[in-house]
Protein backbone atom coordinates (compact mmCIF):
# COMPACT_ATOMS: atom_id res chain seq x y z
CA UNK A 1 104.43 21.51 -70.00
CA UNK A 2 102.13 22.11 -67.06
CA UNK A 3 99.25 19.77 -66.41
CA UNK A 4 95.98 20.82 -68.10
CA UNK A 5 94.19 21.14 -64.76
CA UNK A 6 96.82 23.58 -63.47
CA UNK A 7 96.78 25.61 -66.67
CA UNK A 8 93.00 25.78 -66.49
CA UNK A 9 93.06 27.09 -62.92
CA UNK A 10 95.69 29.66 -63.83
CA UNK A 11 93.60 30.94 -66.72
CA UNK A 12 90.70 31.43 -64.31
CA UNK A 13 92.81 33.18 -61.68
CA UNK A 14 94.28 35.50 -64.33
CA UNK A 15 90.83 36.14 -65.84
CA UNK A 16 92.13 34.88 -69.17
CA UNK A 17 88.93 33.94 -70.98
CA UNK A 18 90.66 33.27 -74.30
CA UNK A 19 93.04 30.75 -72.77
CA UNK A 20 90.20 29.14 -70.84
CA UNK A 21 88.03 28.64 -73.92
CA UNK A 22 90.95 27.12 -75.83
CA UNK A 23 91.74 24.69 -73.04
CA UNK A 24 88.14 23.58 -72.62
CA UNK A 25 87.68 23.23 -76.37
CA UNK A 26 90.61 20.82 -76.50
CA UNK A 27 90.02 19.22 -73.10
CA UNK A 28 86.27 19.39 -72.32
CA UNK A 29 86.53 16.71 -69.62
CA UNK A 30 88.37 19.26 -67.44
CA UNK A 31 85.33 21.55 -67.19
CA UNK A 32 84.64 20.98 -63.49
CA UNK A 33 88.31 20.44 -62.62
CA UNK A 34 87.91 20.16 -58.81
CA UNK A 35 90.94 21.00 -56.69
CA UNK A 36 92.03 19.41 -53.40
CA UNK A 37 89.17 21.17 -51.58
CA UNK A 38 86.64 20.17 -54.26
CA UNK A 39 86.41 23.71 -55.62
CA UNK A 40 85.15 23.54 -59.19
CA UNK A 41 86.10 25.94 -61.97
CA UNK A 42 83.01 27.98 -61.15
CA UNK A 43 83.93 28.11 -57.46
CA UNK A 44 87.34 29.51 -58.37
CA UNK A 45 85.95 32.06 -60.83
CA UNK A 46 83.26 33.21 -58.38
CA UNK A 47 85.72 33.49 -55.52
CA UNK A 48 88.03 35.57 -57.71
CA UNK A 49 85.19 37.80 -58.87
CA UNK A 50 85.92 37.26 -62.57
CA UNK A 51 82.54 37.94 -64.15
CA UNK A 52 83.51 37.08 -67.78
CA UNK A 53 84.75 33.66 -66.69
CA UNK A 54 81.64 33.06 -64.57
CA UNK A 55 79.40 34.04 -67.50
CA UNK A 56 81.21 31.66 -69.81
CA UNK A 57 81.08 28.73 -67.42
CA UNK A 58 77.36 28.98 -66.68
CA UNK A 59 76.10 30.27 -70.03
CA UNK A 60 78.05 28.41 -72.67
CA UNK A 61 78.69 25.16 -70.83
CA UNK A 62 76.46 22.94 -68.66
CA UNK A 63 78.57 23.69 -65.59
CA UNK A 64 75.74 23.47 -63.08
CA UNK A 65 73.55 21.19 -65.15
CA UNK A 66 73.49 18.42 -62.56
CA UNK A 67 72.83 20.73 -59.60
CA UNK A 68 74.56 23.43 -57.59
CA UNK A 69 78.18 22.44 -57.03
CA UNK A 70 79.65 22.41 -53.52
CA UNK A 71 83.19 22.23 -52.27
CA UNK A 72 84.51 20.22 -49.33
CA UNK A 73 83.10 22.78 -46.87
CA UNK A 74 79.69 22.70 -48.51
CA UNK A 75 80.13 26.16 -50.01
CA UNK A 76 78.43 27.01 -53.29
CA UNK A 77 80.00 29.40 -55.82
CA UNK A 78 77.48 32.02 -54.69
CA UNK A 79 78.71 31.74 -51.11
CA UNK A 80 82.33 32.32 -52.12
CA UNK A 81 81.38 35.29 -54.29
CA UNK A 82 79.27 36.74 -51.47
CA UNK A 83 82.03 36.40 -48.91
CA UNK A 84 84.47 38.03 -51.33
CA UNK A 85 82.16 40.98 -51.96
CA UNK A 86 81.87 40.41 -55.71
CA UNK A 87 78.53 42.09 -56.31
CA UNK A 88 78.23 41.56 -60.07
CA UNK A 89 78.99 37.86 -59.74
CA UNK A 90 76.56 37.49 -56.83
CA UNK A 91 73.86 39.25 -58.81
CA UNK A 92 74.36 36.99 -61.81
CA UNK A 93 74.48 33.74 -59.85
CA UNK A 94 71.40 34.77 -57.86
CA UNK A 95 69.47 35.53 -61.05
CA UNK A 96 70.61 32.35 -62.80
CA UNK A 97 69.96 29.89 -59.98
CA UNK A 98 67.81 31.75 -57.45
CA UNK A 99 68.79 29.52 -54.54
CA UNK A 100 70.06 32.00 -52.02
CA UNK A 101 69.66 30.16 -48.73
CA UNK A 102 71.71 27.03 -49.29
CA UNK A 103 73.79 26.24 -46.20
CA UNK A 104 77.37 25.05 -45.95
CA UNK A 105 78.56 22.46 -43.44
CA UNK A 106 78.73 25.12 -40.72
CA UNK A 107 75.11 26.01 -41.43
CA UNK A 108 75.96 29.43 -42.88
CA UNK A 109 74.08 30.96 -45.79
CA UNK A 110 75.50 33.35 -48.36
CA UNK A 111 73.91 36.22 -46.41
CA UNK A 112 75.60 35.20 -43.17
CA UNK A 113 78.98 34.95 -44.90
CA UNK A 114 78.54 38.35 -46.57
CA UNK A 115 77.47 40.00 -43.30
CA UNK A 116 80.43 38.51 -41.43
CA UNK A 117 82.80 39.87 -44.08
CA UNK A 118 81.17 43.32 -44.04
CA UNK A 119 79.96 43.16 -47.66
CA UNK A 120 77.07 45.60 -47.42
CA UNK A 121 76.42 45.75 -51.17
CA UNK A 122 76.18 41.98 -51.38
CA UNK A 123 73.95 41.88 -48.29
CA UNK A 124 71.53 44.25 -50.03
CA UNK A 125 71.50 42.16 -53.21
CA UNK A 126 70.77 38.97 -51.29
CA UNK A 127 68.04 40.57 -49.18
CA UNK A 128 66.42 42.07 -52.28
CA UNK A 129 66.50 38.58 -53.77
CA UNK A 130 64.61 37.12 -50.82
CA UNK A 131 67.30 35.78 -48.50
CA UNK A 132 66.10 34.99 -44.98
CA UNK A 133 67.38 37.87 -42.85
CA UNK A 134 67.03 35.79 -39.66
CA UNK A 135 68.58 32.54 -40.91
CA UNK A 136 70.86 30.94 -38.32
CA UNK A 137 74.01 28.87 -38.68
CA UNK A 138 75.03 25.83 -36.66
CA UNK A 139 75.82 28.01 -33.64
CA UNK A 140 72.47 29.76 -33.79
CA UNK A 141 74.04 33.00 -34.99
CA UNK A 142 72.26 35.23 -37.48
CA UNK A 143 73.79 37.65 -39.95
CA UNK A 144 73.15 40.37 -37.35
CA UNK A 145 75.20 38.48 -34.75
CA UNK A 146 78.21 38.49 -37.07
CA UNK A 147 77.79 42.06 -38.29
CA UNK A 148 77.69 43.18 -34.66
CA UNK A 149 80.64 41.00 -33.63
CA UNK A 150 82.85 42.35 -36.42
CA UNK A 151 81.71 45.95 -36.10
CA UNK A 152 80.23 46.29 -39.59
CA UNK A 153 77.96 49.28 -38.92
CA UNK A 154 76.62 49.65 -42.47
CA UNK A 155 75.64 46.00 -42.55
CA UNK A 156 73.98 46.30 -39.15
CA UNK A 157 71.81 49.17 -40.41
CA UNK A 158 70.96 47.33 -43.63
CA UNK A 159 69.86 44.28 -41.65
CA UNK A 160 67.78 46.44 -39.30
CA UNK A 161 66.12 48.14 -42.25
CA UNK A 162 65.24 44.70 -43.60
CA UNK A 163 63.51 43.70 -40.37
CA UNK A 164 66.19 41.57 -38.71
CA UNK A 165 65.24 40.36 -35.24
CA UNK A 166 67.55 42.30 -32.93
CA UNK A 167 66.93 40.23 -29.80
CA UNK A 168 67.19 36.72 -31.26
CA UNK A 169 69.46 34.61 -28.99
CA UNK A 170 71.97 32.12 -30.33
CA UNK A 171 72.57 28.69 -28.83
CA UNK A 172 74.54 30.22 -25.97
CA UNK A 173 71.71 32.60 -25.21
CA UNK A 174 73.42 35.76 -26.48
CA UNK A 175 71.61 38.33 -28.61
CA UNK A 176 73.47 40.24 -31.37
CA UNK A 177 74.04 43.34 -29.23
CA UNK A 178 76.06 41.26 -26.75
CA UNK A 179 78.71 40.74 -29.43
CA UNK A 180 79.20 44.43 -30.23
CA UNK A 181 82.79 44.86 -31.41
CA UNK A 182 83.31 48.28 -29.79
CA UNK A 183 81.49 50.61 -27.43
CA UNK A 184 80.64 52.71 -30.47
CA UNK A 185 79.08 49.70 -32.18
CA UNK A 186 77.09 48.92 -29.04
CA UNK A 187 75.74 52.48 -28.87
CA UNK A 188 74.92 52.40 -32.57
CA UNK A 189 73.07 49.12 -32.12
CA UNK A 190 71.03 50.55 -29.24
CA UNK A 191 70.26 53.64 -31.31
CA UNK A 192 68.87 51.49 -34.12
CA UNK A 193 66.74 49.55 -31.65
CA UNK A 194 65.34 52.81 -30.28
CA UNK A 195 64.64 54.08 -33.80
CA UNK A 196 62.74 50.90 -34.65
CA UNK A 197 60.71 50.97 -31.44
CA UNK A 198 59.87 54.63 -32.02
CA UNK A 199 58.77 53.82 -35.57
CA UNK A 200 56.59 50.97 -34.30
CA UNK A 201 54.88 53.31 -31.84
CA UNK A 202 54.28 55.91 -34.55
CA UNK A 203 52.88 53.29 -36.92
CA UNK A 204 50.59 51.93 -34.19
CA UNK A 205 49.27 55.41 -33.47
CA UNK A 206 48.81 56.07 -37.17
CA UNK A 207 46.74 52.90 -37.57
CA UNK A 208 44.64 53.80 -34.54
CA UNK A 209 43.95 57.25 -35.96
CA UNK A 210 43.18 56.12 -39.51
CA UNK A 211 40.06 58.08 -40.63
CA UNK A 212 36.94 56.16 -41.61
CA UNK A 213 34.66 57.88 -44.14
CA UNK A 214 36.93 60.90 -43.94
CA UNK A 215 36.64 61.35 -40.16
CA UNK A 216 38.77 60.15 -37.29
CA UNK A 217 37.21 57.54 -35.05
CA UNK A 218 38.93 58.88 -31.95
CA UNK A 219 36.47 59.82 -29.21
CA UNK A 220 36.16 63.60 -28.83
CA UNK A 221 34.55 65.42 -25.88
CA UNK A 222 31.60 66.41 -28.11
CA UNK A 223 31.07 62.83 -29.29
CA UNK A 224 31.35 61.53 -25.73
CA UNK A 225 28.65 63.97 -24.52
CA UNK A 226 26.41 63.08 -27.44
CA UNK A 227 26.70 59.37 -26.78
CA UNK A 228 25.89 59.86 -23.09
CA UNK A 229 22.81 61.94 -23.92
CA UNK A 230 24.02 65.05 -22.07
C-alpha cells in the first residue's frame, strides 16, 4: 500500500475530498504533509485550484493556525493560486487571511506573480483587496514591468486603471515600457500613457473651473474691467 503522505497528495491533486477527509480522520498528523519543496497540503490544493479542498483545509482544520505557511521559495498558498489564475481560490484566501502583499524569497508579491502570468482576473481581485500596485521585487520590477515584458495587454490596462506608476525604473534603470514584448505592446503602452496624461489635464482644468456659489471663478473680460474701475 502507498505511503499515507503520497495518498494524501494524490487525493488533493484529484480533488477527491471524500478520500482526503478519510485519510485525515485516520491520520491527522499528516495534515500539513510538506513535500520536498516544503509545499503543504494547502499549497498543493491552492496551486491546483481545487476550491472544495482549500475550503476544507482552512475551514474545518487549523491548517494556518500557526501563521501563513510558506514553501522553500517563500511562496504562500495565495501566491501559488494567483500565479495559476485560480480566481475563486484567490478570493477565498484573500478574504480569510487578508495578507496580500507577503513576499517570497525573490521579493515578489502575489500581484507581481499574477501579472507576470497574465492572470487579469486575479490581478483585479488583488487590487480590489488592497494590494500595492507599485510593489517591487528583488530586481526592482513592478507588476507593470512584468506585464509589459510578457505582453499581457489586459493586465497592463488593469494596472494603469489602478494608478500604476508607468515610469518607475527598476534597479537597472529601465521603466516598464522598455520591456515591451512587441512593437504592438509598446504602442499600446504609449497610448495608455497618453490617455492618462490627457485625463490628468482634463481633471486639472475641471478643478480650476469648479464653480463657487454657482458661478465660475474664471476671470471674464467684464469682471476684469470692473476690477480695474474702467
